Amino acid sequence: MKNKIEKYFHSRFPSLRKKELTKIDLTEFVDSLSIFDFVYYLEKNFKIKIKQDEVLFKNFSSISSIEKLIKKKIKGE
């Protein structure tokens, strides 16, 4: 799961090194337009549906918060 998320960010932001992803605030890179592309990527790759009201700072502020959201969606919550 983490690898797929990192792959997305590395493909769009090649200047990021792997170790930097664990330390940075992803909201510096994901703006209001690119979030839709990222949500589509997550839905497609993890076979989930993310509701509009789930697109919140707390769910997309770090790799671990994104993983938590994905796990929750996979469980059907």
Protein backbone atom coordinates (compact mmCIF):
# COMPACT_ATOMS: atom_id res chain seq x y z
CA MET A 1 0.00 0.00 0.00
CA LYS A 2 2.69 2.45 1.04
CA ASN A 3 4.70 1.62 -2.09
CA LYS A 4 1.82 2.49 -4.40
CA ILE A 5 1.29 5.82 -2.64
CA GLU A 6 5.00 6.62 -2.81
CA LYS A 7 5.08 5.60 -6.48
CA TYR A 8 2.36 8.16 -7.22
CA PHE A 9 4.29 10.98 -5.56
CA HIS A 10 7.62 9.99 -7.10
CA SER A 11 6.09 9.90 -10.56
CA ARG A 12 4.65 13.41 -10.17
CA PHE A 13 7.38 14.92 -8.01
CA PRO A 14 10.65 13.25 -9.07
CA SER A 15 12.71 15.56 -6.88
CA LEU A 16 11.34 13.83 -3.79
CA ARG A 17 13.54 11.15 -2.35
CA LYS A 18 11.97 8.13 -0.71
CA LYS A 19 13.05 9.08 2.78
CA GLU A 20 11.61 12.55 2.38
CA LEU A 21 8.08 11.19 1.97
CA THR A 22 7.96 10.04 5.56
CA LYS A 23 9.01 13.44 6.88
CA ILE A 24 7.07 15.91 4.76
CA ASP A 25 3.59 17.33 4.94
CA LEU A 26 2.03 16.04 1.71
CA THR A 27 -0.30 19.03 1.55
CA GLU A 28 2.71 21.01 0.33
CA PHE A 29 2.54 18.96 -2.87
CA VAL A 30 -1.12 18.10 -3.25
CA ASP A 31 -3.13 21.16 -4.17
CA SER A 32 -6.84 21.52 -4.74
CA LEU A 33 -6.64 20.42 -8.38
CA SER A 34 -4.18 17.58 -8.04
CA ILE A 35 -6.13 16.05 -5.17
CA PHE A 36 -8.75 14.87 -7.66
CA ASP A 37 -6.09 13.11 -9.71
CA PHE A 38 -4.72 11.53 -6.55
CA VAL A 39 -8.16 10.40 -5.35
CA TYR A 40 -8.79 8.83 -8.76
CA TYR A 41 -5.42 7.05 -8.52
CA LEU A 42 -6.29 5.67 -5.07
CA GLU A 43 -9.78 4.57 -6.15
CA LYS A 44 -8.42 2.82 -9.22
CA ASN A 45 -5.45 1.13 -7.56
CA PHE A 46 -7.14 0.07 -4.34
CA LYS A 47 -10.64 -0.58 -5.73
CA ILE A 48 -12.27 1.83 -3.27
CA LYS A 49 -14.59 4.82 -3.47
CA ILE A 50 -13.66 7.99 -1.61
CA LYS A 51 -16.57 10.30 -0.90
CA GLN A 52 -16.24 14.03 -1.38
CA ASP A 53 -16.68 14.65 2.36
CA GLU A 54 -13.71 12.35 3.05
CA VAL A 55 -11.33 14.56 1.08
CA LEU A 56 -10.08 16.31 4.20
CA PHE A 57 -6.70 17.54 5.37
CA LYS A 58 -6.60 14.92 8.13
CA ASN A 59 -7.00 12.10 5.57
CA PHE A 60 -4.33 13.36 3.15
CA SER A 61 -1.72 15.04 5.30
CA SER A 62 0.76 12.14 5.34
CA ILE A 63 1.42 8.68 3.92
CA SER A 64 0.18 7.10 7.15
CA SER A 65 -3.08 9.09 7.15
CA ILE A 66 -3.70 8.05 3.54
CA GLU A 67 -3.02 4.42 4.45
CA LYS A 68 -5.51 4.66 7.32
CA LEU A 69 -8.18 6.00 4.98
CA ILE A 70 -7.53 3.24 2.43
CA LYS A 71 -7.67 0.50 5.09
CA LYS A 72 -10.92 1.95 6.40
CA LYS A 73 -12.42 1.99 2.89
CA ILE A 74 -11.26 -1.56 2.15
CA LYS A 75 -13.00 -2.73 5.33
CA GLY A 76 -16.18 -1.06 4.07
CA GLU A 77 -16.36 1.67 6.68
